[in-house]
Amino acid sequence: MNAREEALQAERPYYMTMLERRYTFEQHFIENIEAGNARSALMNLENMQHDVSYLKRIGTTPISFLNDYRLKQAAILLASTSSTVQEISNSVGIDDANYFVKLFRKKYEMTPTEYRRQNKL
């Protein structure tokens, strides 16, 4: 694990809280738009932009953080189960197995199948 990954791991609870906040802001934003409450909708939009701006400054985005979390969960499943790559991909929230393999290869520098062979428990 490199220094950036260690820092992200240490901050994981905070990032999860930020992702939950962002989801709440998005839900309120949609509700306020539907209700015609432009002022509240703009406040929620501003809050969402602030959180994303912060994550970008420290070197990650909500999507990259979420994908990193999903891939770590997938790595655990690959090493500890006999589920197919497609099943694991779906279980961690990535419906397109080809995209999953692409993300996995980028993070771990090997395919999920190669990872499983090297890390089988």
PDB file of N, CA and C in Angstrom:
ATOM      1  N   MET A   1       0.851  -1.169   0.000  1.00  0.00           N
ATOM      2  CA  MET A   1       0.000   0.000   0.000  1.00  0.00           C
ATOM      3  C   MET A   1       0.902   1.239   0.000  1.00  0.00           C
ATOM      4  N   ASN A   2       0.657   2.156  -0.953  1.00  0.00           N
ATOM      5  CA  ASN A   2       1.480   3.351  -1.008  1.00  0.00           C
ATOM      6  C   ASN A   2       0.963   4.404  -0.034  1.00  0.00           C
ATOM      7  N   ALA A   3       1.700   5.502   0.091  1.00  0.00           N
ATOM      8  CA  ALA A   3       1.361   6.541   1.078  1.00  0.00           C
ATOM      9  C   ALA A   3      -0.015   7.132   0.821  1.00  0.00           C
ATOM     10  N   ARG A   4      -0.369   7.344  -0.451  1.00  0.00           N
ATOM     11  CA  ARG A   4      -1.685   7.911  -0.776  1.00  0.00           C
ATOM     12  C   ARG A   4      -2.796   6.956  -0.346  1.00  0.00           C
ATOM     13  N   GLU A   5      -2.628   5.663  -0.614  1.00  0.00           N
ATOM     14  CA  GLU A   5      -3.633   4.683  -0.214  1.00  0.00           C
ATOM     15  C   GLU A   5      -3.751   4.602   1.306  1.00  0.00           C
ATOM     16  N   GLU A   6      -2.622   4.703   2.008  1.00  0.00           N
ATOM     17  CA  GLU A   6      -2.658   4.693   3.471  1.00  0.00           C
ATOM     18  C   GLU A   6      -3.406   5.906   4.001  1.00  0.00           C
ATOM     19  N   ALA A   7      -3.152   7.057   3.400  1.00  0.00           N
ATOM     20  CA  ALA A   7      -3.846   8.278   3.825  1.00  0.00           C
ATOM     21  C   ALA A   7      -5.340   8.162   3.562  1.00  0.00           C
ATOM     22  N   LEU A   8      -5.712   7.618   2.398  1.00  0.00           N
ATOM     23  CA  LEU A   8      -7.127   7.440   2.086  1.00  0.00           C
ATOM     24  C   LEU A   8      -7.769   6.454   3.051  1.00  0.00           C
ATOM     25  N   GLN A   9      -7.060   5.390   3.398  1.00  0.00           N
ATOM     26  CA  GLN A   9      -7.600   4.398   4.331  1.00  0.00           C
ATOM     27  C   GLN A   9      -7.842   5.039   5.698  1.00  0.00           C
ATOM     28  N   ALA A  10      -6.908   5.866   6.137  1.00  0.00           N
ATOM     29  CA  ALA A  10      -7.047   6.525   7.438  1.00  0.00           C
ATOM     30  C   ALA A  10      -8.233   7.486   7.443  1.00  0.00           C
ATOM     31  N   GLU A  11      -8.490   8.101   6.303  1.00  0.00           N
ATOM     32  CA  GLU A  11      -9.581   9.074   6.195  1.00  0.00           C
ATOM     33  C   GLU A  11     -10.898   8.433   5.764  1.00  0.00           C
ATOM     34  N   ARG A  12     -10.919   7.124   5.585  1.00  0.00           N
ATOM     35  CA  ARG A  12     -12.100   6.449   5.052  1.00  0.00           C
ATOM     36  C   ARG A  12     -13.396   6.780   5.794  1.00  0.00           C
ATOM     37  N   PRO A  13     -13.412   6.758   7.132  1.00  0.00           N
ATOM     38  CA  PRO A  13     -14.678   7.095   7.809  1.00  0.00           C
ATOM     39  C   PRO A  13     -15.164   8.495   7.445  1.00  0.00           C
ATOM     40  N   TYR A  14     -14.233   9.441   7.318  1.00  0.00           N
ATOM     41  CA  TYR A  14     -14.612  10.804   6.958  1.00  0.00           C
ATOM     42  C   TYR A  14     -15.177  10.842   5.536  1.00  0.00           C
ATOM     43  N   TYR A  15     -14.547  10.137   4.600  1.00  0.00           N
ATOM     44  CA  TYR A  15     -15.034  10.110   3.227  1.00  0.00           C
ATOM     45  C   TYR A  15     -16.412   9.473   3.141  1.00  0.00           C
ATOM     46  N   MET A  16     -16.618   8.408   3.916  1.00  0.00           N
ATOM     47  CA  MET A  16     -17.931   7.769   3.908  1.00  0.00           C
ATOM     48  C   MET A  16     -18.985   8.755   4.403  1.00  0.00           C
ATOM     49  N   THR A  17     -18.653   9.518   5.423  1.00  0.00           N
ATOM     50  CA  THR A  17     -19.566  10.535   5.928  1.00  0.00           C
ATOM     51  C   THR A  17     -19.841  11.577   4.855  1.00  0.00           C
ATOM     52  N   MET A  18     -18.790  11.986   4.139  1.00  0.00           N
ATOM     53  CA  MET A  18     -18.975  12.971   3.065  1.00  0.00           C
ATOM     54  C   MET A  18     -19.868  12.421   1.958  1.00  0.00           C
ATOM     55  N   LEU A  19     -19.672  11.159   1.602  1.00  0.00           N
ATOM     56  CA  LEU A  19     -20.518  10.564   0.571  1.00  0.00           C
ATOM     57  C   LEU A  19     -21.975  10.504   1.024  1.00  0.00           C
ATOM     58  N   GLU A  20     -22.183  10.162   2.281  1.00  0.00           N
ATOM     59  CA  GLU A  20     -23.548  10.140   2.815  1.00  0.00           C
ATOM     60  C   GLU A  20     -24.156  11.537   2.804  1.00  0.00           C
ATOM     61  N   ARG A  21     -23.359  12.538   3.193  1.00  0.00           N
ATOM     62  CA  ARG A  21     -23.842  13.930   3.158  1.00  0.00           C
ATOM     63  C   ARG A  21     -24.198  14.338   1.741  1.00  0.00           C
ATOM     64  N   ARG A  22     -23.331  13.973   0.803  1.00  0.00           N
ATOM     65  CA  ARG A  22     -23.586  14.347  -0.586  1.00  0.00           C
ATOM     66  C   ARG A  22     -24.888  13.721  -1.070  1.00  0.00           C
ATOM     67  N   TYR A  23     -25.111  12.470  -0.728  1.00  0.00           N
ATOM     68  CA  TYR A  23     -26.347  11.805  -1.114  1.00  0.00           C
ATOM     69  C   TYR A  23     -27.550  12.551  -0.529  1.00  0.00           C
ATOM     70  N   THR A  24     -27.452  12.938   0.730  1.00  0.00           N
ATOM     71  CA  THR A  24     -28.540  13.680   1.382  1.00  0.00           C
ATOM     72  C   THR A  24     -28.758  15.017   0.677  1.00  0.00           C
ATOM     73  N   PHE A  25     -27.670  15.726   0.381  1.00  0.00           N
ATOM     74  CA  PHE A  25     -27.799  17.001  -0.327  1.00  0.00           C
ATOM     75  C   PHE A  25     -28.460  16.805  -1.692  1.00  0.00           C
ATOM     76  N   GLU A  26     -28.074  15.741  -2.396  1.00  0.00           N
ATOM     77  CA  GLU A  26     -28.677  15.478  -3.709  1.00  0.00           C
ATOM     78  C   GLU A  26     -30.172  15.210  -3.584  1.00  0.00           C
ATOM     79  N   GLN A  27     -30.549  14.418  -2.581  1.00  0.00           N
ATOM     80  CA  GLN A  27     -31.968  14.119  -2.384  1.00  0.00           C
ATOM     81  C   GLN A  27     -32.750  15.395  -2.072  1.00  0.00           C
ATOM     82  N   HIS A  28     -32.213  16.228  -1.182  1.00  0.00           N
ATOM     83  CA  HIS A  28     -32.889  17.489  -0.854  1.00  0.00           C
ATOM     84  C   HIS A  28     -32.930  18.425  -2.054  1.00  0.00           C
ATOM     85  N   PHE A  29     -31.853  18.425  -2.828  1.00  0.00           N
ATOM     86  CA  PHE A  29     -31.805  19.254  -4.031  1.00  0.00           C
ATOM     87  C   PHE A  29     -32.951  18.876  -4.972  1.00  0.00           C
ATOM     88  N   ILE A  30     -33.106  17.581  -5.224  1.00  0.00           N
ATOM     89  CA  ILE A  30     -34.171  17.098  -6.119  1.00  0.00           C
ATOM     90  C   ILE A  30     -35.544  17.446  -5.551  1.00  0.00           C
ATOM     91  N   GLU A  31     -35.725  17.213  -4.260  1.00  0.00           N
ATOM     92  CA  GLU A  31     -37.014  17.532  -3.625  1.00  0.00           C
ATOM     93  C   GLU A  31     -37.338  19.018  -3.727  1.00  0.00           C
ATOM     94  N   ASN A  32     -36.330  19.864  -3.508  1.00  0.00           N
ATOM     95  CA  ASN A  32     -36.550  21.309  -3.582  1.00  0.00           C
ATOM     96  C   ASN A  32     -36.843  21.774  -5.007  1.00  0.00           C
ATOM     97  N   ILE A  33     -36.199  21.171  -5.988  1.00  0.00           N
ATOM     98  CA  ILE A  33     -36.487  21.500  -7.385  1.00  0.00           C
ATOM     99  C   ILE A  33     -37.931  21.129  -7.700  1.00  0.00           C
ATOM    100  N   GLU A  34     -38.325  19.912  -7.309  1.00  0.00           N
ATOM    101  CA  GLU A  34     -39.693  19.458  -7.576  1.00  0.00           C
ATOM    102  C   GLU A  34     -40.727  20.333  -6.880  1.00  0.00           C
ATOM    103  N   ALA A  35     -40.374  20.867  -5.687  1.00  0.00           N
ATOM    104  CA  ALA A  35     -41.302  21.704  -4.930  1.00  0.00           C
ATOM    105  C   ALA A  35     -41.243  23.165  -5.374  1.00  0.00           C
ATOM    106  N   GLY A  36     -40.322  23.484  -6.273  1.00  0.00           N
ATOM    107  CA  GLY A  36     -40.201  24.859  -6.750  1.00  0.00           C
ATOM    108  C   GLY A  36     -39.478  25.781  -5.784  1.00  0.00           C
ATOM    109  N   ASN A  37     -38.735  25.225  -4.853  1.00  0.00           N
ATOM    110  CA  ASN A  37     -38.015  26.013  -3.859  1.00  0.00           C
ATOM    111  C   ASN A  37     -36.582  26.247  -4.339  1.00  0.00           C
ATOM    112  N   ALA A  38     -36.406  27.257  -5.173  1.00  0.00           N
ATOM    113  CA  ALA A  38     -35.123  27.512  -5.816  1.00  0.00           C
ATOM    114  C   ALA A  38     -34.039  27.880  -4.810  1.00  0.00           C
ATOM    115  N   ARG A  39     -34.376  28.662  -3.813  1.00  0.00           N
ATOM    116  CA  ARG A  39     -33.363  29.097  -2.839  1.00  0.00           C
ATOM    117  C   ARG A  39     -32.748  27.896  -2.102  1.00  0.00           C
ATOM    118  N   SER A  40     -33.578  27.005  -1.594  1.00  0.00           N
ATOM    119  CA  SER A  40     -33.074  25.824  -0.893  1.00  0.00           C
ATOM    120  C   SER A  40     -32.316  24.899  -1.838  1.00  0.00           C
ATOM    121  N   ALA A  41     -32.806  24.765  -3.064  1.00  0.00           N
ATOM    122  CA  ALA A  41     -32.123  23.928  -4.042  1.00  0.00           C
ATOM    123  C   ALA A  41     -30.720  24.461  -4.301  1.00  0.00           C
ATOM    124  N   LEU A  42     -30.577  25.771  -4.432  1.00  0.00           N
ATOM    125  CA  LEU A  42     -29.264  26.370  -4.675  1.00  0.00           C
ATOM    126  C   LEU A  42     -28.334  26.175  -3.472  1.00  0.00           C
ATOM    127  N   MET A  43     -28.880  26.221  -2.259  1.00  0.00           N
ATOM    128  CA  MET A  43     -28.054  25.980  -1.070  1.00  0.00           C
ATOM    129  C   MET A  43     -27.529  24.550  -1.068  1.00  0.00           C
ATOM    130  N   ASN A  44     -28.381  23.591  -1.441  1.00  0.00           N
ATOM    131  CA  ASN A  44     -27.939  22.201  -1.504  1.00  0.00           C
ATOM    132  C   ASN A  44     -26.900  22.011  -2.594  1.00  0.00           C
ATOM    133  N   LEU A  45     -27.097  22.648  -3.725  1.00  0.00           N
ATOM    134  CA  LEU A  45     -26.132  22.568  -4.820  1.00  0.00           C
ATOM    135  C   LEU A  45     -24.783  23.132  -4.378  1.00  0.00           C
ATOM    136  N   GLU A  46     -24.804  24.240  -3.682  1.00  0.00           N
ATOM    137  CA  GLU A  46     -23.567  24.844  -3.193  1.00  0.00           C
ATOM    138  C   GLU A  46     -22.846  23.903  -2.226  1.00  0.00           C
ATOM    139  N   ASN A  47     -23.584  23.246  -1.347  1.00  0.00           N
ATOM    140  CA  ASN A  47     -22.987  22.280  -0.416  1.00  0.00           C
ATOM    141  C   ASN A  47     -22.353  21.111  -1.162  1.00  0.00           C
ATOM    142  N   MET A  48     -23.030  20.606  -2.188  1.00  0.00           N
ATOM    143  CA  MET A  48     -22.475  19.498  -2.972  1.00  0.00           C
ATOM    144  C   MET A  48     -21.185  19.931  -3.659  1.00  0.00           C
ATOM    145  N   GLN A  49     -21.184  21.127  -4.227  1.00  0.00           N
ATOM    146  CA  GLN A  49     -20.002  21.620  -4.915  1.00  0.00           C
ATOM    147  C   GLN A  49     -18.836  21.809  -3.940  1.00  0.00           C
ATOM    148  N   HIS A  50     -19.129  22.261  -2.738  1.00  0.00           N
ATOM    149  CA  HIS A  50     -18.089  22.447  -1.730  1.00  0.00           C
ATOM    150  C   HIS A  50     -17.434  21.113  -1.381  1.00  0.00           C
ATOM    151  N   ASP A  51     -18.230  20.085  -1.165  1.00  0.00           N
ATOM    152  CA  ASP A  51     -17.679  18.774  -0.827  1.00  0.00           C
ATOM    153  C   ASP A  51     -16.824  18.201  -1.954  1.00  0.00           C
ATOM    154  N   VAL A  52     -17.297  18.313  -3.178  1.00  0.00           N
ATOM    155  CA  VAL A  52     -16.535  17.811  -4.321  1.00  0.00           C
ATOM    156  C   VAL A  52     -15.243  18.604  -4.479  1.00  0.00           C
ATOM    157  N   SER A  53     -15.319  19.905  -4.283  1.00  0.00           N
ATOM    158  CA  SER A  53     -14.130  20.747  -4.375  1.00  0.00           C
ATOM    159  C   SER A  53     -13.084  20.308  -3.353  1.00  0.00           C
ATOM    160  N   TYR A  54     -13.512  20.013  -2.147  1.00  0.00           N
ATOM    161  CA  TYR A  54     -12.593  19.553  -1.109  1.00  0.00           C
ATOM    162  C   TYR A  54     -11.938  18.228  -1.503  1.00  0.00           C
ATOM    163  N   LEU A  55     -12.741  17.284  -1.948  1.00  0.00           N
ATOM    164  CA  LEU A  55     -12.186  15.984  -2.330  1.00  0.00           C
ATOM    165  C   LEU A  55     -11.191  16.108  -3.474  1.00  0.00           C
ATOM    166  N   LYS A  56     -11.479  16.967  -4.426  1.00  0.00           N
ATOM    167  CA  LYS A  56     -10.546  17.160  -5.541  1.00  0.00           C
ATOM    168  C   LYS A  56      -9.239  17.773  -5.068  1.00  0.00           C
ATOM    169  N   ARG A  57      -9.312  18.700  -4.110  1.00  0.00           N
ATOM    170  CA  ARG A  57      -8.090  19.326  -3.587  1.00  0.00           C
ATOM    171  C   ARG A  57      -7.180  18.312  -2.922  1.00  0.00           C
ATOM    172  N   ILE A  58      -7.758  17.306  -2.286  1.00  0.00           N
ATOM    173  CA  ILE A  58      -6.913  16.318  -1.611  1.00  0.00           C
ATOM    174  C   ILE A  58      -6.603  15.121  -2.501  1.00  0.00           C
ATOM    175  N   GLY A  59      -7.041  15.177  -3.756  1.00  0.00           N
ATOM    176  CA  GLY A  59      -6.613  14.171  -4.719  1.00  0.00           C
ATOM    177  C   GLY A  59      -7.570  13.042  -5.005  1.00  0.00           C
ATOM    178  N   THR A  60      -8.828  13.197  -4.670  1.00  0.00           N
ATOM    179  CA  THR A  60      -9.801  12.164  -4.991  1.00  0.00           C
ATOM    180  C   THR A  60     -11.143  12.821  -5.297  1.00  0.00           C
ATOM    181  N   THR A  61     -12.052  12.039  -5.808  1.00  0.00           N
ATOM    182  CA  THR A  61     -13.415  12.507  -6.061  1.00  0.00           C
ATOM    183  C   THR A  61     -14.367  11.493  -5.428  1.00  0.00           C
ATOM    184  N   PRO A  62     -15.617  11.854  -5.259  1.00  0.00           N
ATOM    185  CA  PRO A  62     -16.550  10.874  -4.698  1.00  0.00           C
ATOM    186  C   PRO A  62     -16.592   9.571  -5.499  1.00  0.00           C
ATOM    187  N   ILE A  63     -16.579   9.675  -6.815  1.00  0.00           N
ATOM    188  CA  ILE A  63     -16.638   8.471  -7.655  1.00  0.00           C
ATOM    189  C   ILE A  63     -15.369   7.646  -7.523  1.00  0.00           C
ATOM    190  N   SER A  64     -14.211   8.291  -7.539  1.00  0.00           N
ATOM    191  CA  SER A  64     -12.971   7.518  -7.424  1.00  0.00           C
ATOM    192  C   SER A  64     -12.859   6.878  -6.039  1.00  0.00           C
ATOM    193  N   PHE A  65     -13.310   7.572  -5.008  1.00  0.00           N
ATOM    194  CA  PHE A  65     -13.299   6.988  -3.675  1.00  0.00           C
ATOM    195  C   PHE A  65     -14.226   5.781  -3.611  1.00  0.00           C
ATOM    196  N   LEU A  66     -15.429   5.924  -4.167  1.00  0.00           N
ATOM    197  CA  LEU A  66     -16.392   4.827  -4.162  1.00  0.00           C
ATOM    198  C   LEU A  66     -15.869   3.633  -4.959  1.00  0.00           C
ATOM    199  N   ASN A  67     -15.289   3.894  -6.138  1.00  0.00           N
ATOM    200  CA  ASN A  67     -14.732   2.801  -6.938  1.00  0.00           C
ATOM    201  C   ASN A  67     -13.580   2.115  -6.213  1.00  0.00           C
ATOM    202  N   ASP A  68     -12.745   2.883  -5.534  1.00  0.00           N
ATOM    203  CA  ASP A  68     -11.643   2.301  -4.774  1.00  0.00           C
ATOM    204  C   ASP A  68     -12.192   1.379  -3.693  1.00  0.00           C
ATOM    205  N   TYR A  69     -13.217   1.816  -2.997  1.00  0.00           N
ATOM    206  CA  TYR A  69     -13.841   1.001  -1.956  1.00  0.00           C
ATOM    207  C   TYR A  69     -14.428  -0.277  -2.561  1.00  0.00           C
ATOM    208  N   ARG A  70     -15.121  -0.140  -3.681  1.00  0.00           N
ATOM    209  CA  ARG A  70     -15.714  -1.308  -4.347  1.00  0.00           C
ATOM    210  C   ARG A  70     -14.653  -2.311  -4.770  1.00  0.00           C
ATOM    211  N   LEU A  71     -13.540  -1.806  -5.305  1.00  0.00           N
ATOM    212  CA  LEU A  71     -12.474  -2.705  -5.764  1.00  0.00           C
ATOM    213  C   LEU A  71     -11.801  -3.420  -4.598  1.00  0.00           C
ATOM    214  N   LYS A  72     -11.666  -2.759  -3.465  1.00  0.00           N
ATOM    215  CA  LYS A  72     -11.099  -3.423  -2.290  1.00  0.00           C
ATOM    216  C   LYS A  72     -12.024  -4.547  -1.825  1.00  0.00           C
ATOM    217  N   GLN A  73     -13.325  -4.292  -1.837  1.00  0.00           N
ATOM    218  CA  GLN A  73     -14.281  -5.332  -1.467  1.00  0.00           C
ATOM    219  C   GLN A  73     -14.219  -6.489  -2.466  1.00  0.00           C
ATOM    220  N   ALA A  74     -14.085  -6.170  -3.740  1.00  0.00           N
ATOM    221  CA  ALA A  74     -13.992  -7.194  -4.779  1.00  0.00           C
ATOM    222  C   ALA A  74     -12.739  -8.043  -4.580  1.00  0.00           C
ATOM    223  N   ALA A  75     -11.630  -7.415  -4.224  1.00  0.00           N
ATOM    224  CA  ALA A  75     -10.391  -8.154  -4.000  1.00  0.00           C
ATOM    225  C   ALA A  75     -10.564  -9.152  -2.858  1.00  0.00           C
ATOM    226  N   ILE A  76     -11.259  -8.741  -1.818  1.00  0.00           N
ATOM    227  CA  ILE A  76     -11.521  -9.653  -0.690  1.00  0.00           C
ATOM    228  C   ILE A  76     -12.358 -10.835  -1.165  1.00  0.00           C
ATOM    229  N   LEU A  77     -13.387 -10.560  -1.960  1.00  0.00           N
ATOM    230  CA  LEU A  77     -14.250 -11.629  -2.463  1.00  0.00           C
ATOM    231  C   LEU A  77     -13.508 -12.561  -3.411  1.00  0.00           C
ATOM    232  N   LEU A  78     -12.654 -11.999  -4.238  1.00  0.00           N
ATOM    233  CA  LEU A  78     -11.879 -12.833  -5.161  1.00  0.00           C
ATOM    234  C   LEU A  78     -10.985 -13.805  -4.404  1.00  0.00           C
ATOM    235  N   ALA A  79     -10.393 -13.343  -3.326  1.00  0.00           N
ATOM    236  CA  ALA A  79      -9.476 -14.181  -2.568  1.00  0.00           C
ATOM    237  C   ALA A  79     -10.194 -15.182  -1.664  1.00  0.00           C
ATOM    238  N   SER A  80     -11.433 -14.898  -1.317  1.00  0.00           N
ATOM    239  CA  SER A  80     -12.085 -15.725  -0.295  1.00  0.00           C
ATOM    240  C   SER A  80     -13.305 -16.509  -0.766  1.00  0.00           C
ATOM    241  N   THR A  81     -13.731 -16.314  -2.018  1.00  0.00           N
ATOM    242  CA  THR A  81     -14.894 -17.042  -2.521  1.00  0.00           C
ATOM    243  C   THR A  81     -14.580 -17.654  -3.878  1.00  0.00           C
ATOM    244  N   SER A  82     -15.503 -18.467  -4.344  1.00  0.00           N
ATOM    245  CA  SER A  82     -15.367 -19.017  -5.695  1.00  0.00           C
ATOM    246  C   SER A  82     -16.385 -18.389  -6.642  1.00  0.00           C
ATOM    247  N   SER A  83     -16.984 -17.268  -6.241  1.00  0.00           N
ATOM    248  CA  SER A  83     -17.936 -16.559  -7.094  1.00  0.00           C
ATOM    249  C   SER A  83     -17.261 -16.130  -8.388  1.00  0.00           C
ATOM    250  N   THR A  84     -18.048 -16.059  -9.456  1.00  0.00           N
ATOM    251  CA  THR A  84     -17.492 -15.629 -10.743  1.00  0.00           C
ATOM    252  C   THR A  84     -17.168 -14.140 -10.696  1.00  0.00           C
ATOM    253  N   VAL A  85     -16.351 -13.710 -11.630  1.00  0.00           N
ATOM    254  CA  VAL A  85     -16.007 -12.294 -11.733  1.00  0.00           C
ATOM    255  C   VAL A  85     -17.275 -11.473 -11.950  1.00  0.00           C
ATOM    256  N   GLN A  86     -18.182 -11.966 -12.776  1.00  0.00           N
ATOM    257  CA  GLN A  86     -19.450 -11.265 -13.020  1.00  0.00           C
ATOM    258  C   GLN A  86     -20.250 -11.123 -11.721  1.00  0.00           C
ATOM    259  N   GLU A  87     -20.338 -12.189 -10.952  1.00  0.00           N
ATOM    260  CA  GLU A  87     -21.081 -12.146  -9.686  1.00  0.00           C
ATOM    261  C   GLU A  87     -20.447 -11.157  -8.702  1.00  0.00           C
ATOM    262  N   ILE A  88     -19.144 -11.179  -8.626  1.00  0.00           N
ATOM    263  CA  ILE A  88     -18.443 -10.254  -7.733  1.00  0.00           C
ATOM    264  C   ILE A  88     -18.623  -8.824  -8.211  1.00  0.00           C
ATOM    265  N   SER A  89     -18.488  -8.623  -9.495  1.00  0.00           N
ATOM    266  CA  SER A  89     -18.692  -7.294 -10.068  1.00  0.00           C
ATOM    267  C   SER A  89     -20.071  -6.752  -9.690  1.00  0.00           C
ATOM    268  N   ASN A  90     -21.084  -7.568  -9.874  1.00  0.00           N
ATOM    269  CA  ASN A  90     -22.448  -7.152  -9.529  1.00  0.00           C
ATOM    270  C   ASN A  90     -22.600  -6.907  -8.033  1.00  0.00           C
ATOM    271  N   SER A  91     -21.996  -7.761  -7.225  1.00  0.00           N
ATOM    272  CA  SER A  91     -22.174  -7.643  -5.773  1.00  0.00           C
ATOM    273  C   SER A  91     -21.523  -6.389  -5.196  1.00  0.00           C
ATOM    274  N   VAL A  92     -20.506  -5.862  -5.867  1.00  0.00           N
ATOM    275  CA  VAL A  92     -19.877  -4.625  -5.375  1.00  0.00           C
ATOM    276  C   VAL A  92     -20.441  -3.373  -6.046  1.00  0.00           C
ATOM    277  N   GLY A  93     -21.450  -3.572  -6.902  1.00  0.00           N
ATOM    278  CA  GLY A  93     -22.134  -2.413  -7.479  1.00  0.00           C
ATOM    279  C   GLY A  93     -21.643  -1.962  -8.833  1.00  0.00           C
ATOM    280  N   ILE A  94     -20.895  -2.811  -9.530  1.00  0.00           N
ATOM    281  CA  ILE A  94     -20.440  -2.469 -10.889  1.00  0.00           C
ATOM    282  C   ILE A  94     -21.086  -3.489 -11.819  1.00  0.00           C
ATOM    283  N   ASP A  95     -22.135  -3.060 -12.510  1.00  0.00           N
ATOM    284  CA  ASP A  95     -22.926  -3.989 -13.310  1.00  0.00           C
ATOM    285  C   ASP A  95     -22.239  -4.466 -14.588  1.00  0.00           C
ATOM    286  N   ASP A  96     -21.345  -3.678 -15.126  1.00  0.00           N
ATOM    287  CA  ASP A  96     -20.644  -4.037 -16.355  1.00  0.00           C
ATOM    288  C   ASP A  96     -19.331  -4.723 -16.000  1.00  0.00           C
ATOM    289  N   ALA A  97     -19.267  -6.026 -16.220  1.00  0.00           N
ATOM    290  CA  ALA A  97     -18.074  -6.797 -15.850  1.00  0.00           C
ATOM    291  C   ALA A  97     -16.837  -6.343 -16.616  1.00  0.00           C
ATOM    292  N   ASN A  98     -17.001  -5.931 -17.862  1.00  0.00           N
ATOM    293  CA  ASN A  98     -15.844  -5.456 -18.634  1.00  0.00           C
ATOM    294  C   ASN A  98     -15.263  -4.186 -18.022  1.00  0.00           C
ATOM    295  N   TYR A  99     -16.136  -3.287 -17.599  1.00  0.00           N
ATOM    296  CA  TYR A  99     -15.689  -2.058 -16.933  1.00  0.00           C
ATOM    297  C   TYR A  99     -15.030  -2.400 -15.599  1.00  0.00           C
ATOM    298  N   PHE A 100     -15.613  -3.348 -14.890  1.00  0.00           N
ATOM    299  CA  PHE A 100     -15.042  -3.809 -13.623  1.00  0.00           C
ATOM    300  C   PHE A 100     -13.614  -4.314 -13.834  1.00  0.00           C
ATOM    301  N   VAL A 101     -13.409  -5.152 -14.850  1.00  0.00           N
ATOM    302  CA  VAL A 101     -12.076  -5.694 -15.129  1.00  0.00           C
ATOM    303  C   VAL A 101     -11.109  -4.559 -15.457  1.00  0.00           C
ATOM    304  N   LYS A 102     -11.570  -3.581 -16.213  1.00  0.00           N
ATOM    305  CA  LYS A 102     -10.731  -2.430 -16.576  1.00  0.00           C
ATOM    306  C   LYS A 102     -10.306  -1.652 -15.322  1.00  0.00           C
ATOM    307  N   LEU A 103     -11.261  -1.362 -14.436  1.00  0.00           N
ATOM    308  CA  LEU A 103     -10.941  -0.659 -13.191  1.00  0.00           C
ATOM    309  C   LEU A 103     -10.005  -1.485 -12.314  1.00  0.00           C
ATOM    310  N   PHE A 104     -10.289  -2.770 -12.210  1.00  0.00           N
ATOM    311  CA  PHE A 104      -9.495  -3.667 -11.371  1.00  0.00           C
ATOM    312  C   PHE A 104      -8.054  -3.725 -11.870  1.00  0.00           C
ATOM    313  N   ARG A 105      -7.902  -3.874 -13.171  1.00  0.00           N
ATOM    314  CA  ARG A 105      -6.550  -3.948 -13.758  1.00  0.00           C
ATOM    315  C   ARG A 105      -5.788  -2.653 -13.510  1.00  0.00           C
ATOM    316  N   LYS A 106      -6.472  -1.534 -13.620  1.00  0.00           N
ATOM    317  CA  LYS A 106      -5.820  -0.241 -13.401  1.00  0.00           C
ATOM    318  C   LYS A 106      -5.327  -0.118 -11.953  1.00  0.00           C
ATOM    319  N   LYS A 107      -6.137  -0.565 -10.991  1.00  0.00           N
ATOM    320  CA  LYS A 107      -5.770  -0.451  -9.577  1.00  0.00           C
ATOM    321  C   LYS A 107      -4.727  -1.481  -9.165  1.00  0.00           C
ATOM    322  N   TYR A 108      -4.921  -2.734  -9.552  1.00  0.00           N
ATOM    323  CA  TYR A 108      -4.065  -3.818  -9.068  1.00  0.00           C
ATOM    324  C   TYR A 108      -3.018  -4.294 -10.080  1.00  0.00           C
ATOM    325  N   GLU A 109      -3.025  -3.742 -11.270  1.00  0.00           N
ATOM    326  CA  GLU A 109      -2.077  -4.084 -12.328  1.00  0.00           C
ATOM    327  C   GLU A 109      -2.126  -5.562 -12.698  1.00  0.00           C
ATOM    328  N   MET A 110      -3.306  -6.152 -12.585  1.00  0.00           N
ATOM    329  CA  MET A 110      -3.553  -7.530 -13.014  1.00  0.00           C
ATOM    330  C   MET A 110      -5.058  -7.708 -13.134  1.00  0.00           C
ATOM    331  N   THR A 111      -5.457  -8.737 -13.855  1.00  0.00           N
ATOM    332  CA  THR A 111      -6.886  -9.008 -13.996  1.00  0.00           C
ATOM    333  C   THR A 111      -7.421  -9.613 -12.695  1.00  0.00           C
ATOM    334  N   PRO A 112      -8.739  -9.600 -12.518  1.00  0.00           N
ATOM    335  CA  PRO A 112      -9.310 -10.250 -11.333  1.00  0.00           C
ATOM    336  C   PRO A 112      -8.935 -11.735 -11.234  1.00  0.00           C
ATOM    337  N   THR A 113      -8.903 -12.425 -12.361  1.00  0.00           N
ATOM    338  CA  THR A 113      -8.547 -13.847 -12.360  1.00  0.00           C
ATOM    339  C   THR A 113      -7.100 -14.044 -11.909  1.00  0.00           C
ATOM    340  N   GLU A 114      -6.198 -13.217 -12.411  1.00  0.00           N
ATOM    341  CA  GLU A 114      -4.795 -13.297 -11.982  1.00  0.00           C
ATOM    342  C   GLU A 114      -4.682 -12.995 -10.489  1.00  0.00           C
ATOM    343  N   TYR A 115      -5.426 -11.995 -10.026  1.00  0.00           N
ATOM    344  CA  TYR A 115      -5.423 -11.657  -8.602  1.00  0.00           C
ATOM    345  C   TYR A 115      -5.887 -12.842  -7.770  1.00  0.00           C
ATOM    346  N   ARG A 116      -6.953 -13.470  -8.206  1.00  0.00           N
ATOM    347  CA  ARG A 116      -7.486 -14.631  -7.469  1.00  0.00           C
ATOM    348  C   ARG A 116      -6.437 -15.742  -7.373  1.00  0.00           C
ATOM    349  N   ARG A 117      -5.759 -16.030  -8.474  1.00  0.00           N
ATOM    350  CA  ARG A 117      -4.734 -17.088  -8.468  1.00  0.00           C
ATOM    351  C   ARG A 117      -3.612 -16.778  -7.473  1.00  0.00           C
ATOM    352  N   GLN A 118      -3.213 -15.515  -7.408  1.00  0.00           N
ATOM    353  CA  GLN A 118      -2.101 -15.131  -6.541  1.00  0.00           C
ATOM    354  C   GLN A 118      -2.490 -14.976  -5.076  1.00  0.00           C
ATOM    355  N   ASN A 119      -3.785 -14.745  -4.801  1.00  0.00           N
ATOM    356  CA  ASN A 119      -4.205 -14.397  -3.446  1.00  0.00           C
ATOM    357  C   ASN A 119      -5.254 -15.321  -2.853  1.00  0.00           C
ATOM    358  N   LYS A 120      -5.473 -16.461  -3.451  1.00  0.00           N
ATOM    359  CA  LYS A 120      -6.503 -17.392  -2.975  1.00  0.00           C
ATOM    360  C   LYS A 120      -6.181 -17.827  -1.551  1.00  0.00           C
ATOM    361  N   LEU A 121      -7.166 -17.722  -0.664  1.00  0.00           N
ATOM    362  CA  LEU A 121      -6.976 -18.108   0.748  1.00  0.00           C
ATOM    363  C   LEU A 121      -7.062 -19.597   0.923  1.00  0.00           C
TER     364      LEU A 121
END
